[in-house]
Amino acid sequence: MHTQAMEKVEGGKLLVIKVDFGDKIEKVDITGDFFAHPEESIKEIEKRLAGIKKDFDEKEIAEELQKVIAEKGYQLIGLDAAAIARVLKKAVDQK
């Protein structure tokens, strides 16, 4: 299944997540008018989300993403791990 969700996150930045999934997340595409440094940090986050179960716990995924962001020293401006997890959940939960 292919779905997408979008949200204006705190600060007014647009976050769009497109997702392909079956029982598990197969592919995630994160776009919007936020900033990320280094640029490849978003691709790394997308890779980390691939393979998780579609009925994931939003809070757990947000915490896991936050660890990755902190460990790698990624700088996200206009979004955070919680927003990514929340919008991903919206996309997966669409019928």
PDB file of N, CA and C in Angstrom:
ATOM      1  N   MET A   1       0.841  -1.168   0.000  1.00  0.00           N
ATOM      2  CA  MET A   1       0.000   0.000   0.000  1.00  0.00           C
ATOM      3  C   MET A   1       0.891   1.237   0.000  1.00  0.00           C
ATOM      4  N   HIS A   2       0.432   2.284  -0.670  1.00  0.00           N
ATOM      5  CA  HIS A   2       1.167   3.551  -0.725  1.00  0.00           C
ATOM      6  C   HIS A   2       0.253   4.662  -0.208  1.00  0.00           C
ATOM      7  N   THR A   3       0.713   5.373   0.807  1.00  0.00           N
ATOM      8  CA  THR A   3      -0.058   6.493   1.347  1.00  0.00           C
ATOM      9  C   THR A   3       0.885   7.645   1.661  1.00  0.00           C
ATOM     10  N   GLN A   4       0.293   8.764   1.996  1.00  0.00           N
ATOM     11  CA  GLN A   4       1.089   9.897   2.459  1.00  0.00           C
ATOM     12  C   GLN A   4       0.283  10.702   3.458  1.00  0.00           C
ATOM     13  N   ALA A   5       1.009  11.430   4.274  1.00  0.00           N
ATOM     14  CA  ALA A   5       0.383  12.346   5.227  1.00  0.00           C
ATOM     15  C   ALA A   5       1.255  13.587   5.301  1.00  0.00           C
ATOM     16  N   MET A   6       0.623  14.686   5.650  1.00  0.00           N
ATOM     17  CA  MET A   6       1.375  15.929   5.805  1.00  0.00           C
ATOM     18  C   MET A   6       0.849  16.702   6.997  1.00  0.00           C
ATOM     19  N   GLU A   7       1.712  17.558   7.504  1.00  0.00           N
ATOM     20  CA  GLU A   7       1.348  18.355   8.677  1.00  0.00           C
ATOM     21  C   GLU A   7       2.216  19.607   8.706  1.00  0.00           C
ATOM     22  N   LYS A   8       1.610  20.705   9.105  1.00  0.00           N
ATOM     23  CA  LYS A   8       2.385  21.909   9.426  1.00  0.00           C
ATOM     24  C   LYS A   8       2.825  21.728  10.870  1.00  0.00           C
ATOM     25  N   VAL A   9       4.101  21.523  11.071  1.00  0.00           N
ATOM     26  CA  VAL A   9       4.608  21.276  12.417  1.00  0.00           C
ATOM     27  C   VAL A   9       4.835  22.605  13.132  1.00  0.00           C
ATOM     28  N   GLU A  10       5.095  22.521  14.427  1.00  0.00           N
ATOM     29  CA  GLU A  10       5.330  23.725  15.223  1.00  0.00           C
ATOM     30  C   GLU A  10       6.412  24.568  14.562  1.00  0.00           C
ATOM     31  N   GLY A  11       6.152  25.834  14.418  1.00  0.00           N
ATOM     32  CA  GLY A  11       7.081  26.711  13.718  1.00  0.00           C
ATOM     33  C   GLY A  11       6.658  26.959  12.282  1.00  0.00           C
ATOM     34  N   GLY A  12       5.604  26.261  11.838  1.00  0.00           N
ATOM     35  CA  GLY A  12       5.033  26.513  10.522  1.00  0.00           C
ATOM     36  C   GLY A  12       5.670  25.793   9.357  1.00  0.00           C
ATOM     37  N   LYS A  13       6.582  24.866   9.605  1.00  0.00           N
ATOM     38  CA  LYS A  13       7.220  24.125   8.523  1.00  0.00           C
ATOM     39  C   LYS A  13       6.333  22.965   8.097  1.00  0.00           C
ATOM     40  N   LEU A  14       6.348  22.687   6.796  1.00  0.00           N
ATOM     41  CA  LEU A  14       5.562  21.589   6.242  1.00  0.00           C
ATOM     42  C   LEU A  14       6.388  20.308   6.264  1.00  0.00           C
ATOM     43  N   LEU A  15       5.794  19.230   6.747  1.00  0.00           N
ATOM     44  CA  LEU A  15       6.407  17.907   6.749  1.00  0.00           C
ATOM     45  C   LEU A  15       5.491  16.975   5.974  1.00  0.00           C
ATOM     46  N   VAL A  16       6.034  16.338   4.932  1.00  0.00           N
ATOM     47  CA  VAL A  16       5.282  15.394   4.110  1.00  0.00           C
ATOM     48  C   VAL A  16       6.001  14.055   4.173  1.00  0.00           C
ATOM     49  N   ILE A  17       5.245  12.999   4.481  1.00  0.00           N
ATOM     50  CA  ILE A  17       5.817  11.654   4.503  1.00  0.00           C
ATOM     51  C   ILE A  17       5.001  10.764   3.592  1.00  0.00           C
ATOM     52  N   LYS A  18       5.701  10.154   2.623  1.00  0.00           N
ATOM     53  CA  LYS A  18       5.107   9.154   1.740  1.00  0.00           C
ATOM     54  C   LYS A  18       5.664   7.816   2.191  1.00  0.00           C
ATOM     55  N   VAL A  19       4.801   6.810   2.236  1.00  0.00           N
ATOM     56  CA  VAL A  19       5.233   5.514   2.749  1.00  0.00           C
ATOM     57  C   VAL A  19       4.634   4.382   1.925  1.00  0.00           C
ATOM     58  N   ASP A  20       5.456   3.375   1.664  1.00  0.00           N
ATOM     59  CA  ASP A  20       5.021   2.125   1.052  1.00  0.00           C
ATOM     60  C   ASP A  20       5.128   1.061   2.138  1.00  0.00           C
ATOM     61  N   PHE A  21       4.073   0.274   2.299  1.00  0.00           N
ATOM     62  CA  PHE A  21       4.113  -0.730   3.357  1.00  0.00           C
ATOM     63  C   PHE A  21       3.155  -1.877   3.075  1.00  0.00           C
ATOM     64  N   GLY A  22       3.474  -3.009   3.703  1.00  0.00           N
ATOM     65  CA  GLY A  22       2.592  -4.159   3.784  1.00  0.00           C
ATOM     66  C   GLY A  22       2.413  -4.389   5.278  1.00  0.00           C
ATOM     67  N   ASP A  23       2.912  -5.538   5.771  1.00  0.00           N
ATOM     68  CA  ASP A  23       2.933  -5.759   7.219  1.00  0.00           C
ATOM     69  C   ASP A  23       4.016  -4.909   7.882  1.00  0.00           C
ATOM     70  N   LYS A  24       5.037  -4.569   7.092  1.00  0.00           N
ATOM     71  CA  LYS A  24       6.135  -3.734   7.572  1.00  0.00           C
ATOM     72  C   LYS A  24       6.299  -2.535   6.648  1.00  0.00           C
ATOM     73  N   ILE A  25       6.939  -1.513   7.167  1.00  0.00           N
ATOM     74  CA  ILE A  25       7.268  -0.334   6.368  1.00  0.00           C
ATOM     75  C   ILE A  25       8.334  -0.760   5.359  1.00  0.00           C
ATOM     76  N   GLU A  26       8.080  -0.514   4.090  1.00  0.00           N
ATOM     77  CA  GLU A  26       9.042  -0.889   3.055  1.00  0.00           C
ATOM     78  C   GLU A  26       9.908   0.289   2.632  1.00  0.00           C
ATOM     79  N   LYS A  27       9.289   1.445   2.435  1.00  0.00           N
ATOM     80  CA  LYS A  27      10.025   2.619   1.967  1.00  0.00           C
ATOM     81  C   LYS A  27       9.368   3.870   2.526  1.00  0.00           C
ATOM     82  N   VAL A  28      10.198   4.813   2.934  1.00  0.00           N
ATOM     83  CA  VAL A  28       9.717   6.086   3.473  1.00  0.00           C
ATOM     84  C   VAL A  28      10.408   7.220   2.722  1.00  0.00           C
ATOM     85  N   ASP A  29       9.631   8.233   2.369  1.00  0.00           N
ATOM     86  CA  ASP A  29      10.167   9.423   1.711  1.00  0.00           C
ATOM     87  C   ASP A  29       9.724  10.632   2.534  1.00  0.00           C
ATOM     88  N   ILE A  30      10.690  11.333   3.116  1.00  0.00           N
ATOM     89  CA  ILE A  30      10.418  12.485   3.972  1.00  0.00           C
ATOM     90  C   ILE A  30      10.812  13.754   3.220  1.00  0.00           C
ATOM     91  N   THR A  31       9.837  14.640   3.018  1.00  0.00           N
ATOM     92  CA  THR A  31      10.102  15.908   2.338  1.00  0.00           C
ATOM     93  C   THR A  31       9.381  17.035   3.067  1.00  0.00           C
ATOM     94  N   GLY A  32       9.656  18.246   2.658  1.00  0.00           N
ATOM     95  CA  GLY A  32       8.991  19.403   3.240  1.00  0.00           C
ATOM     96  C   GLY A  32       9.874  20.623   3.162  1.00  0.00           C
ATOM     97  N   ASP A  33       9.476  21.677   3.850  1.00  0.00           N
ATOM     98  CA  ASP A  33      10.250  22.918   3.798  1.00  0.00           C
ATOM     99  C   ASP A  33      11.067  23.143   5.073  1.00  0.00           C
ATOM    100  N   PHE A  34      11.545  22.061   5.651  1.00  0.00           N
ATOM    101  CA  PHE A  34      12.431  22.087   6.808  1.00  0.00           C
ATOM    102  C   PHE A  34      13.883  22.023   6.319  1.00  0.00           C
ATOM    103  N   PHE A  35      14.812  22.113   7.245  1.00  0.00           N
ATOM    104  CA  PHE A  35      16.229  22.020   6.919  1.00  0.00           C
ATOM    105  C   PHE A  35      16.856  20.893   7.729  1.00  0.00           C
ATOM    106  N   ALA A  36      17.810  20.204   7.108  1.00  0.00           N
ATOM    107  CA  ALA A  36      18.525  19.124   7.785  1.00  0.00           C
ATOM    108  C   ALA A  36      20.007  19.222   7.427  1.00  0.00           C
ATOM    109  N   HIS A  37      20.858  19.043   8.441  1.00  0.00           N
ATOM    110  CA  HIS A  37      22.301  19.057   8.210  1.00  0.00           C
ATOM    111  C   HIS A  37      22.927  17.895   8.951  1.00  0.00           C
ATOM    112  N   PRO A  38      23.745  17.102   8.321  1.00  0.00           N
ATOM    113  CA  PRO A  38      24.038  17.136   6.890  1.00  0.00           C
ATOM    114  C   PRO A  38      22.820  16.704   6.067  1.00  0.00           C
ATOM    115  N   GLU A  39      22.842  17.021   4.779  1.00  0.00           N
ATOM    116  CA  GLU A  39      21.689  16.741   3.922  1.00  0.00           C
ATOM    117  C   GLU A  39      21.308  15.264   3.915  1.00  0.00           C
ATOM    118  N   GLU A  40      22.301  14.394   3.995  1.00  0.00           N
ATOM    119  CA  GLU A  40      22.011  12.953   3.951  1.00  0.00           C
ATOM    120  C   GLU A  40      21.370  12.429   5.236  1.00  0.00           C
ATOM    121  N   SER A  41      21.240  13.259   6.249  1.00  0.00           N
ATOM    122  CA  SER A  41      20.627  12.810   7.500  1.00  0.00           C
ATOM    123  C   SER A  41      19.189  12.339   7.286  1.00  0.00           C
ATOM    124  N   ILE A  42      18.440  12.984   6.409  1.00  0.00           N
ATOM    125  CA  ILE A  42      17.058  12.558   6.153  1.00  0.00           C
ATOM    126  C   ILE A  42      17.050  11.181   5.503  1.00  0.00           C
ATOM    127  N   LYS A  43      17.966  10.936   4.569  1.00  0.00           N
ATOM    128  CA  LYS A  43      18.045   9.613   3.927  1.00  0.00           C
ATOM    129  C   LYS A  43      18.369   8.539   4.962  1.00  0.00           C
ATOM    130  N   GLU A  44      19.235   8.850   5.902  1.00  0.00           N
ATOM    131  CA  GLU A  44      19.578   7.890   6.960  1.00  0.00           C
ATOM    132  C   GLU A  44      18.365   7.599   7.842  1.00  0.00           C
ATOM    133  N   ILE A  45      17.599   8.626   8.171  1.00  0.00           N
ATOM    134  CA  ILE A  45      16.385   8.432   8.972  1.00  0.00           C
ATOM    135  C   ILE A  45      15.384   7.581   8.198  1.00  0.00           C
ATOM    136  N   GLU A  46      15.234   7.844   6.902  1.00  0.00           N
ATOM    137  CA  GLU A  46      14.322   7.045   6.071  1.00  0.00           C
ATOM    138  C   GLU A  46      14.730   5.573   6.090  1.00  0.00           C
ATOM    139  N   LYS A  47      16.040   5.307   5.973  1.00  0.00           N
ATOM    140  CA  LYS A  47      16.536   3.923   6.004  1.00  0.00           C
ATOM    141  C   LYS A  47      16.236   3.261   7.346  1.00  0.00           C
ATOM    142  N   ARG A  48      16.383   4.015   8.432  1.00  0.00           N
ATOM    143  CA  ARG A  48      16.117   3.470   9.773  1.00  0.00           C
ATOM    144  C   ARG A  48      14.657   3.075   9.955  1.00  0.00           C
ATOM    145  N   LEU A  49      13.761   3.765   9.262  1.00  0.00           N
ATOM    146  CA  LEU A  49      12.329   3.478   9.397  1.00  0.00           C
ATOM    147  C   LEU A  49      11.902   2.275   8.567  1.00  0.00           C
ATOM    148  N   ALA A  50      12.633   1.970   7.513  1.00  0.00           N
ATOM    149  CA  ALA A  50      12.299   0.813   6.679  1.00  0.00           C
ATOM    150  C   ALA A  50      12.476  -0.465   7.498  1.00  0.00           C
ATOM    151  N   GLY A  51      11.486  -1.331   7.429  1.00  0.00           N
ATOM    152  CA  GLY A  51      11.556  -2.609   8.129  1.00  0.00           C
ATOM    153  C   GLY A  51      10.787  -2.669   9.438  1.00  0.00           C
ATOM    154  N   ILE A  52      10.352  -1.519   9.954  1.00  0.00           N
ATOM    155  CA  ILE A  52       9.579  -1.579  11.197  1.00  0.00           C
ATOM    156  C   ILE A  52       8.152  -2.046  10.900  1.00  0.00           C
ATOM    157  N   LYS A  53       7.507  -2.627  11.892  1.00  0.00           N
ATOM    158  CA  LYS A  53       6.128  -3.094  11.721  1.00  0.00           C
ATOM    159  C   LYS A  53       5.195  -1.915  11.503  1.00  0.00           C
ATOM    160  N   LYS A  54       4.152  -2.134  10.699  1.00  0.00           N
ATOM    161  CA  LYS A  54       3.231  -1.031  10.393  1.00  0.00           C
ATOM    162  C   LYS A  54       2.429  -0.586  11.617  1.00  0.00           C
ATOM    163  N   ASP A  55       2.309  -1.448  12.616  1.00  0.00           N
ATOM    164  CA  ASP A  55       1.570  -1.083  13.830  1.00  0.00           C
ATOM    165  C   ASP A  55       2.531  -0.640  14.947  1.00  0.00           C
ATOM    166  N   PHE A  56       3.550   0.112  14.556  1.00  0.00           N
ATOM    167  CA  PHE A  56       4.579   0.561  15.491  1.00  0.00           C
ATOM    168  C   PHE A  56       4.015   1.502  16.555  1.00  0.00           C
ATOM    169  N   ASP A  57       4.746   1.579  17.667  1.00  0.00           N
ATOM    170  CA  ASP A  57       4.411   2.507  18.745  1.00  0.00           C
ATOM    171  C   ASP A  57       5.077   3.851  18.432  1.00  0.00           C
ATOM    172  N   GLU A  58       4.262   4.868  18.260  1.00  0.00           N
ATOM    173  CA  GLU A  58       4.751   6.195  17.863  1.00  0.00           C
ATOM    174  C   GLU A  58       5.807   6.744  18.823  1.00  0.00           C
ATOM    175  N   LYS A  59       5.566   6.596  20.115  1.00  0.00           N
ATOM    176  CA  LYS A  59       6.503   7.125  21.113  1.00  0.00           C
ATOM    177  C   LYS A  59       7.847   6.400  21.049  1.00  0.00           C
ATOM    178  N   GLU A  60       7.812   5.074  20.889  1.00  0.00           N
ATOM    179  CA  GLU A  60       9.059   4.305  20.808  1.00  0.00           C
ATOM    180  C   GLU A  60       9.876   4.703  19.587  1.00  0.00           C
ATOM    181  N   ILE A  61       9.204   4.881  18.455  1.00  0.00           N
ATOM    182  CA  ILE A  61       9.909   5.263  17.235  1.00  0.00           C
ATOM    183  C   ILE A  61      10.490   6.668  17.380  1.00  0.00           C
ATOM    184  N   ALA A  62       9.737   7.576  17.976  1.00  0.00           N
ATOM    185  CA  ALA A  62      10.244   8.937  18.199  1.00  0.00           C
ATOM    186  C   ALA A  62      11.501   8.902  19.069  1.00  0.00           C
ATOM    187  N   GLU A  63      11.484   8.087  20.118  1.00  0.00           N
ATOM    188  CA  GLU A  63      12.644   7.973  21.004  1.00  0.00           C
ATOM    189  C   GLU A  63      13.839   7.371  20.270  1.00  0.00           C
ATOM    190  N   GLU A  64      13.593   6.344  19.460  1.00  0.00           N
ATOM    191  CA  GLU A  64      14.668   5.708  18.700  1.00  0.00           C
ATOM    192  C   GLU A  64      15.274   6.695  17.697  1.00  0.00           C
ATOM    193  N   LEU A  65      14.414   7.428  17.001  1.00  0.00           N
ATOM    194  CA  LEU A  65      14.912   8.422  16.047  1.00  0.00           C
ATOM    195  C   LEU A  65      15.697   9.518  16.756  1.00  0.00           C
ATOM    196  N   GLN A  66      15.231   9.938  17.920  1.00  0.00           N
ATOM    197  CA  GLN A  66      15.938  10.979  18.666  1.00  0.00           C
ATOM    198  C   GLN A  66      17.333  10.514  19.058  1.00  0.00           C
ATOM    199  N   LYS A  67      17.475   9.232  19.425  1.00  0.00           N
ATOM    200  CA  LYS A  67      18.794   8.678  19.755  1.00  0.00           C
ATOM    201  C   LYS A  67      19.716   8.750  18.551  1.00  0.00           C
ATOM    202  N   VAL A  68      19.207   8.354  17.386  1.00  0.00           N
ATOM    203  CA  VAL A  68      20.002   8.385  16.153  1.00  0.00           C
ATOM    204  C   VAL A  68      20.428   9.819  15.840  1.00  0.00           C
ATOM    205  N   ILE A  69      19.494  10.744  15.930  1.00  0.00           N
ATOM    206  CA  ILE A  69      19.774  12.154  15.644  1.00  0.00           C
ATOM    207  C   ILE A  69      20.867  12.680  16.574  1.00  0.00           C
ATOM    208  N   ALA A  70      20.767  12.354  17.856  1.00  0.00           N
ATOM    209  CA  ALA A  70      21.755  12.812  18.838  1.00  0.00           C
ATOM    210  C   ALA A  70      23.110  12.144  18.619  1.00  0.00           C
ATOM    211  N   GLU A  71      23.113  10.817  18.430  1.00  0.00           N
ATOM    212  CA  GLU A  71      24.367  10.080  18.249  1.00  0.00           C
ATOM    213  C   GLU A  71      25.129  10.539  17.012  1.00  0.00           C
ATOM    214  N   LYS A  72      24.407  10.800  15.941  1.00  0.00           N
ATOM    215  CA  LYS A  72      25.037  11.188  14.673  1.00  0.00           C
ATOM    216  C   LYS A  72      25.306  12.689  14.590  1.00  0.00           C
ATOM    217  N   GLY A  73      24.755  13.455  15.529  1.00  0.00           N
ATOM    218  CA  GLY A  73      24.948  14.896  15.508  1.00  0.00           C
ATOM    219  C   GLY A  73      24.163  15.603  14.416  1.00  0.00           C
ATOM    220  N   TYR A  74      23.055  15.000  14.000  1.00  0.00           N
ATOM    221  CA  TYR A  74      22.221  15.617  12.968  1.00  0.00           C
ATOM    222  C   TYR A  74      21.555  16.870  13.521  1.00  0.00           C
ATOM    223  N   GLN A  75      21.386  17.842  12.654  1.00  0.00           N
ATOM    224  CA  GLN A  75      20.664  19.058  13.016  1.00  0.00           C
ATOM    225  C   GLN A  75      19.417  19.138  12.151  1.00  0.00           C
ATOM    226  N   LEU A  76      18.264  19.093  12.780  1.00  0.00           N
ATOM    227  CA  LEU A  76      16.995  19.224  12.079  1.00  0.00           C
ATOM    228  C   LEU A  76      16.371  20.546  12.501  1.00  0.00           C
ATOM    229  N   ILE A  77      16.056  21.375  11.526  1.00  0.00           N
ATOM    230  CA  ILE A  77      15.480  22.690  11.803  1.00  0.00           C
ATOM    231  C   ILE A  77      14.102  22.736  11.168  1.00  0.00           C
ATOM    232  N   GLY A  78      13.089  22.872  12.000  1.00  0.00           N
ATOM    233  CA  GLY A  78      11.721  22.912  11.505  1.00  0.00           C
ATOM    234  C   GLY A  78      10.977  21.606  11.664  1.00  0.00           C
ATOM    235  N   LEU A  79      11.626  20.600  12.233  1.00  0.00           N
ATOM    236  CA  LEU A  79      10.958  19.353  12.576  1.00  0.00           C
ATOM    237  C   LEU A  79      11.796  18.625  13.613  1.00  0.00           C
ATOM    238  N   ASP A  80      11.217  17.597  14.209  1.00  0.00           N
ATOM    239  CA  ASP A  80      11.933  16.791  15.184  1.00  0.00           C
ATOM    240  C   ASP A  80      11.487  15.339  15.063  1.00  0.00           C
ATOM    241  N   ALA A  81      12.086  14.484  15.870  1.00  0.00           N
ATOM    242  CA  ALA A  81      11.792  13.052  15.815  1.00  0.00           C
ATOM    243  C   ALA A  81      10.324  12.768  16.098  1.00  0.00           C
ATOM    244  N   ALA A  82       9.737  13.479  17.046  1.00  0.00           N
ATOM    245  CA  ALA A  82       8.327  13.253  17.385  1.00  0.00           C
ATOM    246  C   ALA A  82       7.419  13.583  16.207  1.00  0.00           C
ATOM    247  N   ALA A  83       7.723  14.651  15.480  1.00  0.00           N
ATOM    248  CA  ALA A  83       6.915  15.022  14.313  1.00  0.00           C
ATOM    249  C   ALA A  83       7.022  13.964  13.221  1.00  0.00           C
ATOM    250  N   ILE A  84       8.225  13.451  13.001  1.00  0.00           N
ATOM    251  CA  ILE A  84       8.407  12.405  11.990  1.00  0.00           C
ATOM    252  C   ILE A  84       7.582  11.179  12.360  1.00  0.00           C
ATOM    253  N   ALA A  85       7.680  10.733  13.607  1.00  0.00           N
ATOM    254  CA  ALA A  85       6.926   9.555  14.051  1.00  0.00           C
ATOM    255  C   ALA A  85       5.421   9.792  13.951  1.00  0.00           C
ATOM    256  N   ARG A  86       4.972  10.964  14.335  1.00  0.00           N
ATOM    257  CA  ARG A  86       3.542  11.291  14.314  1.00  0.00           C
ATOM    258  C   ARG A  86       2.984  11.293  12.886  1.00  0.00           C
ATOM    259  N   VAL A  87       3.679  11.928  11.958  1.00  0.00           N
ATOM    260  CA  VAL A  87       3.194  12.012  10.580  1.00  0.00           C
ATOM    261  C   VAL A  87       3.318  10.654   9.890  1.00  0.00           C
ATOM    262  N   LEU A  88       4.351   9.890  10.211  1.00  0.00           N
ATOM    263  CA  LEU A  88       4.456   8.531   9.673  1.00  0.00           C
ATOM    264  C   LEU A  88       3.268   7.692  10.134  1.00  0.00           C
ATOM    265  N   LYS A  89       2.910   7.813  11.405  1.00  0.00           N
ATOM    266  CA  LYS A  89       1.763   7.070  11.949  1.00  0.00           C
ATOM    267  C   LYS A  89       0.480   7.466  11.225  1.00  0.00           C
ATOM    268  N   LYS A  90       0.298   8.763  10.978  1.00  0.00           N
ATOM    269  CA  LYS A  90      -0.876   9.229  10.228  1.00  0.00           C
ATOM    270  C   LYS A  90      -0.928   8.586   8.844  1.00  0.00           C
ATOM    271  N   ALA A  91       0.214   8.534   8.186  1.00  0.00           N
ATOM    272  CA  ALA A  91       0.263   7.967   6.834  1.00  0.00           C
ATOM    273  C   ALA A  91      -0.094   6.485   6.842  1.00  0.00           C
ATOM    274  N   VAL A  92       0.460   5.746   7.782  1.00  0.00           N
ATOM    275  CA  VAL A  92       0.219   4.300   7.856  1.00  0.00           C
ATOM    276  C   VAL A  92      -1.213   3.997   8.277  1.00  0.00           C
ATOM    277  N   ASP A  93      -1.798   4.827   9.119  1.00  0.00           N
ATOM    278  CA  ASP A  93      -3.145   4.572   9.628  1.00  0.00           C
ATOM    279  C   ASP A  93      -4.257   4.962   8.659  1.00  0.00           C
ATOM    280  N   GLN A  94      -3.918   5.592   7.538  1.00  0.00           N
ATOM    281  CA  GLN A  94      -4.946   5.946   6.555  1.00  0.00           C
ATOM    282  C   GLN A  94      -5.528   4.692   5.929  1.00  0.00           C
ATOM    283  N   LYS A  95      -6.800   4.727   5.674  1.00  0.00           N
ATOM    284  CA  LYS A  95      -7.473   3.576   5.049  1.00  0.00           C
ATOM    285  C   LYS A  95      -7.786   3.898   3.615  1.00  0.00           C
TER     286      LYS A  95
END
